[in-house]
């Protein structure tokens, strides 16, 4: 056994999450639905390749103005 192991310790955050899941068992499914709305989208590989090909290289000093020739 490890010197720092606390086998019977459960943090306050873990206790809160466990009690929340017991009170509301559909919570995890709702979280997955919310994630699917915003993040889990199919990727159009052809569009992504075209966007990468159309990218213009940025100058090293973005805010420096071009010197004017007079």
C-alpha atoms as a PDB file:
ATOM      1  CA  UNK A   1       0.000   0.000   0.000  1.00  0.00           C
ATOM      2  CA  UNK A   2       1.201   3.479  -0.839  1.00  0.00           C
ATOM      3  CA  UNK A   3       2.317   5.798   1.905  1.00  0.00           C
ATOM      4  CA  UNK A   4      -0.076   8.503   0.660  1.00  0.00           C
ATOM      5  CA  UNK A   5      -3.098   6.304  -0.077  1.00  0.00           C
ATOM      6  CA  UNK A   6      -6.314   7.146   1.741  1.00  0.00           C
ATOM      7  CA  UNK A   7      -8.551   4.199   0.848  1.00  0.00           C
ATOM      8  CA  UNK A   8     -11.742   5.404   2.528  1.00  0.00           C
ATOM      9  CA  UNK A   9     -11.473   9.074   1.556  1.00  0.00           C
ATOM     10  CA  UNK A  10     -14.009  10.542  -0.883  1.00  0.00           C
ATOM     11  CA  UNK A  11     -13.711  14.224  -1.695  1.00  0.00           C
ATOM     12  CA  UNK A  12     -16.560  16.687  -1.277  1.00  0.00           C
ATOM     13  CA  UNK A  13     -16.734  17.198  -5.030  1.00  0.00           C
ATOM     14  CA  UNK A  14     -17.028  13.460  -5.674  1.00  0.00           C
ATOM     15  CA  UNK A  15     -19.716  13.142  -3.007  1.00  0.00           C
ATOM     16  CA  UNK A  16     -21.640  16.025  -4.589  1.00  0.00           C
ATOM     17  CA  UNK A  17     -21.448  14.546  -8.096  1.00  0.00           C
ATOM     18  CA  UNK A  18     -22.465  11.096  -6.858  1.00  0.00           C
ATOM     19  CA  UNK A  19     -25.467  12.492  -4.985  1.00  0.00           C
ATOM     20  CA  UNK A  20     -26.435  14.597  -8.011  1.00  0.00           C
ATOM     21  CA  UNK A  21     -26.323  11.514 -10.257  1.00  0.00           C
ATOM     22  CA  UNK A  22     -28.490   9.617  -7.762  1.00  0.00           C
ATOM     23  CA  UNK A  23     -31.051  12.432  -7.617  1.00  0.00           C
ATOM     24  CA  UNK A  24     -31.077  12.951 -11.375  1.00  0.00           C
ATOM     25  CA  UNK A  25     -30.103   9.726 -13.200  1.00  0.00           C
ATOM     26  CA  UNK A  26     -30.836  11.220 -16.649  1.00  0.00           C
ATOM     27  CA  UNK A  27     -28.183  13.927 -16.134  1.00  0.00           C
ATOM     28  CA  UNK A  28     -25.416  12.140 -18.024  1.00  0.00           C
ATOM     29  CA  UNK A  29     -27.653  11.476 -21.031  1.00  0.00           C
ATOM     30  CA  UNK A  30     -28.651  15.163 -21.086  1.00  0.00           C
ATOM     31  CA  UNK A  31     -24.989  16.174 -20.988  1.00  0.00           C
ATOM     32  CA  UNK A  32     -24.247  13.905 -23.951  1.00  0.00           C
ATOM     33  CA  UNK A  33     -27.151  15.419 -25.906  1.00  0.00           C
ATOM     34  CA  UNK A  34     -25.873  18.927 -25.194  1.00  0.00           C
ATOM     35  CA  UNK A  35     -22.392  17.989 -26.309  1.00  0.00           C
ATOM     36  CA  UNK A  36     -23.773  16.482 -29.507  1.00  0.00           C
ATOM     37  CA  UNK A  37     -25.540  19.768 -30.294  1.00  0.00           C
ATOM     38  CA  UNK A  38     -22.383  21.851 -30.183  1.00  0.00           C
ATOM     39  CA  UNK A  39     -19.331  19.660 -30.635  1.00  0.00           C
ATOM     40  CA  UNK A  40     -19.942  16.234 -32.141  1.00  0.00           C
ATOM     41  CA  UNK A  41     -20.394  17.240 -35.776  1.00  0.00           C
ATOM     42  CA  UNK A  42     -19.407  15.256 -38.853  1.00  0.00           C
ATOM     43  CA  UNK A  43     -16.298  16.651 -40.533  1.00  0.00           C
ATOM     44  CA  UNK A  44     -16.407  17.494 -44.248  1.00  0.00           C
ATOM     45  CA  UNK A  45     -12.875  16.424 -45.177  1.00  0.00           C
ATOM     46  CA  UNK A  46     -12.957  17.997 -48.638  1.00  0.00           C
ATOM     47  CA  UNK A  47     -13.988  21.394 -47.247  1.00  0.00           C
ATOM     48  CA  UNK A  48     -11.318  21.175 -44.544  1.00  0.00           C
ATOM     49  CA  UNK A  49      -8.652  20.408 -47.148  1.00  0.00           C
ATOM     50  CA  UNK A  50      -9.793  23.341 -49.313  1.00  0.00           C
ATOM     51  CA  UNK A  51      -9.764  25.676 -46.307  1.00  0.00           C
ATOM     52  CA  UNK A  52      -6.226  24.578 -45.408  1.00  0.00           C
ATOM     53  CA  UNK A  53      -5.081  25.103 -48.998  1.00  0.00           C
ATOM     54  CA  UNK A  54      -6.593  28.613 -49.088  1.00  0.00           C
ATOM     55  CA  UNK A  55      -4.906  29.726 -45.877  1.00  0.00           C
ATOM     56  CA  UNK A  56      -2.675  32.797 -46.303  1.00  0.00           C
ATOM     57  CA  UNK A  57       0.566  32.776 -44.354  1.00  0.00           C
ATOM     58  CA  UNK A  58       0.677  35.362 -41.609  1.00  0.00           C
ATOM     59  CA  UNK A  59       3.545  37.838 -41.376  1.00  0.00           C
ATOM     60  CA  UNK A  60       5.768  37.532 -38.315  1.00  0.00           C
ATOM     61  CA  UNK A  61       4.860  40.994 -36.979  1.00  0.00           C
ATOM     62  CA  UNK A  62       1.146  41.326 -37.592  1.00  0.00           C
ATOM     63  CA  UNK A  63       0.691  44.860 -36.301  1.00  0.00           C
ATOM     64  CA  UNK A  64       3.737  46.376 -37.988  1.00  0.00           C
ATOM     65  CA  UNK A  65       2.805  48.554 -40.944  1.00  0.00           C
ATOM     66  CA  UNK A  66       4.484  48.316 -44.299  1.00  0.00           C
ATOM     67  CA  UNK A  67       7.222  50.911 -44.828  1.00  0.00           C
ATOM     68  CA  UNK A  68       6.127  53.498 -47.340  1.00  0.00           C
ATOM     69  CA  UNK A  69       8.418  54.248 -50.259  1.00  0.00           C
ATOM     70  CA  UNK A  70       8.600  57.971 -51.080  1.00  0.00           C
END
